[in-house]
Structures are given as C-alpha cells and as structure tokens.
Protein backbone atom coordinates (compact mmCIF):
# COMPACT_ATOMS: atom_id res chain seq x y z
CA MET A 1 0.04 0.03 0.05
CA VAL A 2 1.38 3.39 -1.20
CA GLU A 3 1.57 5.96 1.61
CA LEU A 4 2.27 9.70 1.31
CA ASP A 5 5.82 9.66 3.23
CA ALA A 6 7.01 6.90 1.23
CA LEU A 7 5.64 8.07 -2.10
CA LEU A 8 7.23 11.64 -1.63
CA SER A 9 10.60 10.08 -0.90
CA VAL A 10 10.40 8.13 -4.14
CA ILE A 11 9.15 10.67 -6.58
CA GLU A 12 11.40 13.52 -4.92
CA ASN A 13 14.03 12.21 -7.49
CA PRO A 14 13.77 13.91 -10.80
CA ALA A 15 15.13 10.91 -12.68
CA ARG A 16 12.36 8.74 -11.30
CA ARG A 17 9.62 11.36 -12.21
CA ARG A 18 10.91 11.40 -15.63
CA ILE A 19 10.71 7.55 -15.92
CA LEU A 20 7.07 7.82 -14.61
CA GLU A 21 6.32 10.38 -17.18
CA ALA A 22 7.59 8.10 -19.80
CA LEU A 23 5.68 5.03 -18.52
CA VAL A 24 2.25 6.74 -18.25
CA ARG A 25 2.58 7.48 -22.09
CA GLU A 26 3.26 3.65 -22.85
CA PRO A 27 4.90 0.78 -21.39
CA HIS A 28 8.68 0.82 -21.90
CA TYR A 29 11.64 -1.55 -21.16
CA PRO A 30 14.97 -0.36 -19.55
CA LEU A 31 16.88 0.00 -22.90
CA GLN A 32 14.22 2.18 -24.25
CA LEU A 33 14.06 4.50 -21.24
CA SER A 34 17.72 4.79 -21.13
CA LYS A 35 18.06 6.01 -24.73
CA GLU A 36 15.03 8.29 -24.31
CA LEU A 37 16.16 9.76 -21.04
CA GLY A 38 19.99 9.97 -21.62
CA MET A 39 20.71 7.72 -18.61
CA THR A 40 22.81 4.59 -18.36
CA GLN A 41 20.64 1.20 -18.53
CA GLN A 42 21.95 0.62 -15.09
CA ALA A 43 20.67 3.74 -13.54
CA VAL A 44 17.30 3.07 -15.19
CA ILE A 45 17.19 -0.30 -13.74
CA LYS A 46 18.08 0.90 -10.19
CA HIS A 47 15.35 3.57 -10.36
CA LEU A 48 12.83 1.04 -11.62
CA LYS A 49 13.56 -1.35 -8.77
CA VAL A 50 12.71 1.54 -6.25
CA LEU A 51 9.50 2.42 -8.04
CA GLU A 52 8.57 -1.31 -8.11
CA ALA A 53 9.30 -1.83 -4.58
CA GLN A 54 7.01 1.07 -3.63
CA GLY A 55 4.31 -0.33 -5.71
CA LEU A 56 4.39 2.49 -8.38
CA VAL A 57 5.21 0.33 -11.35
CA LYS A 58 4.72 -3.31 -12.26
CA ARG A 59 6.41 -5.32 -15.13
CA TYR A 60 5.64 -7.98 -17.61
CA ARG A 61 7.75 -10.16 -19.88
CA GLU A 62 7.61 -9.73 -23.57
CA GLU A 63 9.65 -11.10 -26.47
CA SER A 64 12.11 -8.94 -28.08
CA ASP A 65 11.11 -7.62 -31.46
CA LEU A 66 14.67 -8.23 -32.69
CA GLY A 67 14.58 -12.04 -31.79
CA GLY A 68 16.49 -11.59 -28.79
CA PRO A 69 15.84 -12.96 -25.32
CA MET A 70 12.63 -12.14 -23.09
CA ARG A 71 12.63 -8.70 -21.70
CA ASN A 72 10.88 -6.81 -18.93
CA LYS A 73 8.50 -4.24 -19.72
CA TYR A 74 7.27 -1.66 -17.09
CA TYR A 75 4.10 0.33 -16.67
CA PRO A 76 2.46 2.42 -13.78
CA ALA A 77 0.55 0.48 -11.32
CA VAL A 78 -1.36 3.14 -9.20
CA ASN A 79 -3.43 6.06 -9.58
CA PHE A 80 -3.17 8.91 -7.15
CA THR A 81 -3.03 12.73 -6.53
CA ILE A 82 -0.88 14.46 -4.10
CA VAL A 83 -2.56 17.65 -2.49
CA VAL A 84 -0.20 20.03 -0.46
CA ASP A 85 -1.55 23.42 0.74
CA VAL A 86 0.75 25.71 2.84
CA GLY A 87 0.01 29.09 3.76
CA PRO A 88 0.40 31.39 7.00
CA ASN A 89 -2.35 29.68 8.93
CA ILE A 90 -2.94 26.37 7.02
CA PHE A 91 -0.96 23.17 6.25
CA ASN A 92 -2.33 20.20 4.50
CA ALA A 93 -0.63 17.18 3.00
CA LYS A 94 -2.91 14.45 1.59
CA LEU A 95 -2.60 11.61 -0.67
CA VAL A 96 -5.66 10.92 -2.60
CA LYS A 97 -5.81 7.31 -4.25
CA ARG A 98 -8.05 6.65 -6.98
CA GLU A 99 -9.34 3.19 -8.13
CA HIS A 100 -6.97 1.57 -10.79
CA VAL A 101 -9.48 0.41 -13.57
CA ALA A 102 -8.89 -0.82 -17.15
CA LEU A 103 -9.66 1.87 -19.53
CA THR A 104 -10.90 1.62 -23.11
CA ALA A 105 -11.41 4.29 -25.66
CA GLU A 106 -15.04 5.39 -26.30
CA GLY A 107 -16.14 4.20 -29.53
CA GLY A 108 -12.78 2.71 -30.53
CA VAL A 109 -10.40 4.14 -33.00
CA ASP A 110 -11.39 4.86 -36.59
CA ALA A 111 -8.22 3.56 -38.55
CA LYS A 112 -9.63 5.11 -41.74
CA GLU A 113 -9.45 8.64 -40.40
CA PRO A 114 -6.78 8.91 -37.76
CA ASP A 115 -6.21 12.57 -38.43
CA ASN A 116 -9.82 13.55 -37.67
CA ARG A 117 -9.88 11.32 -34.59
CA ILE A 118 -6.72 12.94 -33.39
CA GLY A 119 -8.36 16.40 -33.68
CA GLU A 120 -11.51 15.31 -31.73
CA LEU A 121 -9.37 13.90 -28.97
CA ARG A 122 -7.38 17.05 -28.79
CA ALA A 123 -10.58 19.10 -28.52
CA ARG A 124 -11.86 16.86 -25.77
CA MET A 125 -8.74 17.18 -23.91
CA ALA A 126 -8.84 20.92 -24.01
CA ASP A 127 -12.52 21.00 -22.79
CA ILE A 128 -11.26 18.50 -19.81
CA ASP A 129 -8.31 21.20 -19.04
CA ARG A 130 -10.79 24.13 -19.18
CA LYS A 131 -13.02 22.26 -16.56
CA LEU A 132 -10.12 21.31 -14.28
CA LEU A 133 -8.68 24.94 -14.40
CA TYR A 134 -12.24 26.16 -13.26
CA LEU A 135 -12.25 23.53 -10.35
CA GLN A 136 -8.81 24.67 -9.56
CA LYS A 137 -9.77 28.15 -9.36
CA LYS A 138 -12.82 27.35 -7.19
CA ARG A 139 -10.37 25.25 -4.85
CA GLU A 140 -8.11 28.31 -4.53
CA GLU A 141 -11.03 30.45 -3.45
CA LEU A 142 -11.88 27.98 -0.93
CA ILE A 143 -8.47 27.77 0.34
CA GLU A 144 -8.29 31.35 0.76
CA GLU A 145 -11.51 31.34 2.75
CA LYS A 146 -10.04 28.58 4.80
CA GLU A 147 -6.84 30.63 5.64
CA ARG A 148 -9.18 33.72 6.59
CA THR A 149 -10.96 31.49 9.01
CA MET A 150 -7.70 29.93 10.33
CA ASP A 151 -6.37 33.43 10.68
CA GLU A 152 -9.51 34.34 13.23
CA VAL A 153 -8.53 31.07 14.88
CA ALA A 154 -4.95 32.35 15.48
CA HIS A 155 -6.14 35.53 16.91
CA LEU A 156 -8.27 33.48 19.34
CA MET A 157 -5.41 31.35 20.15
CA ALA A 158 -3.21 34.49 21.02
CA GLU A 159 -5.57 35.41 23.72
CA GLN A 160 -5.02 32.12 25.42
CA PRO A 161 -1.78 31.73 27.45
CA ASP A 162 -1.86 27.94 27.84
CA TYR A 163 0.09 26.27 25.02
CA ARG A 164 -1.76 23.03 25.49
CA LEU A 165 -5.10 24.64 25.37
CA ARG A 166 -4.11 26.71 22.20
CA LYS A 167 -3.09 23.33 20.44
CA ALA A 168 -6.37 21.75 21.64
CA MET A 169 -8.24 24.69 20.20
CA TYR A 170 -6.38 24.52 16.87
CA GLU A 171 -7.11 20.80 16.54
CA PHE A 172 -10.64 21.01 17.41
CA ILE A 173 -11.48 23.78 14.89
CA ASN A 174 -9.06 22.44 12.15
CA ARG A 175 -9.74 18.80 12.33
CA THR A 176 -13.41 18.64 11.36
CA ASP A 177 -12.80 14.96 10.38
CA LEU A 178 -12.62 13.95 13.97
CA ASP A 179 -15.70 12.45 15.45
CA PRO A 180 -16.69 14.68 18.33
CA LYS A 181 -17.20 11.78 20.54
CA LEU A 182 -13.58 10.58 19.99
CA ILE A 183 -11.95 13.89 19.74
CA LEU A 184 -10.52 13.98 23.57
CA GLN A 185 -8.95 10.41 22.59
CA GLU A 186 -7.55 11.47 19.26
CA LEU A 187 -6.21 14.59 20.84
CA SER A 188 -4.67 12.44 23.67
CA VAL A 189 -6.00 14.96 26.12
CA LYS A 190 -5.68 13.87 29.94
CA ASP A 191 -5.50 17.35 31.60
CA GLU A 192 -9.13 17.89 33.14
CA VAL A 193 -9.09 21.66 32.43
CA ILE A 194 -8.64 21.10 28.62
CA SER A 195 -10.97 18.17 28.66
CA ARG A 196 -13.57 20.48 30.19
CA TYR A 197 -13.01 23.17 27.61
CA LEU A 198 -13.33 20.66 24.70
CA ARG A 199 -16.65 19.22 26.23
CA GLN A 200 -17.96 22.87 26.40
CA TRP A 201 -16.95 23.61 22.74
CA LEU A 202 -18.63 20.21 21.71
CA GLU A 203 -21.66 21.30 23.33
CA GLU A 204 -22.00 24.81 21.77
C-alpha cells in the first residue's frame, strides 16, 4: 500500500519522475528508457527497482522484436493525486488514491480517419483542461476562505496563554474530520481543564 511519506521519498528524485512520465505514455523496457532519457541502463534499472518496490510500477515479460531474449516491460501500477496546501495559517498534505481500472477508448479508433480522430481527442482534452482549471480556481478560492478562517482562529489562540489549550483549540477547529465523541481520545487529552473546555466546545 503506497503511503504519502514513502511516495514523496520516491518521487522527489527527478530521474524517477521522468521515468514515470514516460511510462504513463506507454510501457517501456529499460533500454528504451535509457535511450530516451539519456541515462545509463544500469541507472534506469536501479530507479525502476525503487519504483517497483514501492508499488508504483509493475512489469511483464515480452519477447524482443529483434529475436533476442525475453525482456521486462514496465508500466504504472497506481492512480493517485498529491495535495499539499501551505500558508500562514494552513498546512495540509494528503494522498488521494483513485481506483485503478482498465480503461478503453470510447467508440474505439477509426483507422480510416486517424487525423480526424486525433483532432477530436485534442478538442476533448482541451475541454477537460478548461474544466479542471475552473475547479482549480474554485478550490483556490475555498483555500483562501479557509486561511481567513484560520487567521481568526490564530487571533483567538493568541489570547490563550496555555500552550496545550491553544493546541487543543486549533485541532478542534481545524480537524473537522474527527468524530466529536472521539476527539478527546484523538488529541490524547488527559488534563481535566482542557477536557472540560473541549466538552464545552462540543456542546456549543
């Protein structure tokens, strides 16, 4: 199972990102990647082993088109999105995993008119990109609203001299994913004063 910390440690390497970029286009074998990326085949294989160990790529055996020995061909094995938001009053790092499903082209490919089909696919991609850009702008607006809300939280916290209570207040407001019934346990709160404040906030 791919987790955020392990994933970040793997893809922070530019060479591995370039390998993944090539593999999402189509499966490759190490010699192909070596020639395309200007890397030694030994270096490519080393990076592929790291990617495979973390579950990011898989391989299958294929006969060589030149009549040589069987060779390993690699392809991406997971679908995911990394979301990182950092600001004066906000920090969020999340790994969003998407179900890996077999994809098939809609309606197939018309071999008689490939040029027309390519134009249609480019137009469809442009429409998808416009929609994604719209969603990105809407998300940025919500992030800005969240930062303004957390700025107000910061001002409330500044009025509280107890560090532990400030932390509890921050987590209580910011971690809306916590079940109110379990919030004391999740925050590992043992101090009776802080527990009383949290119960009071839960009742409001």
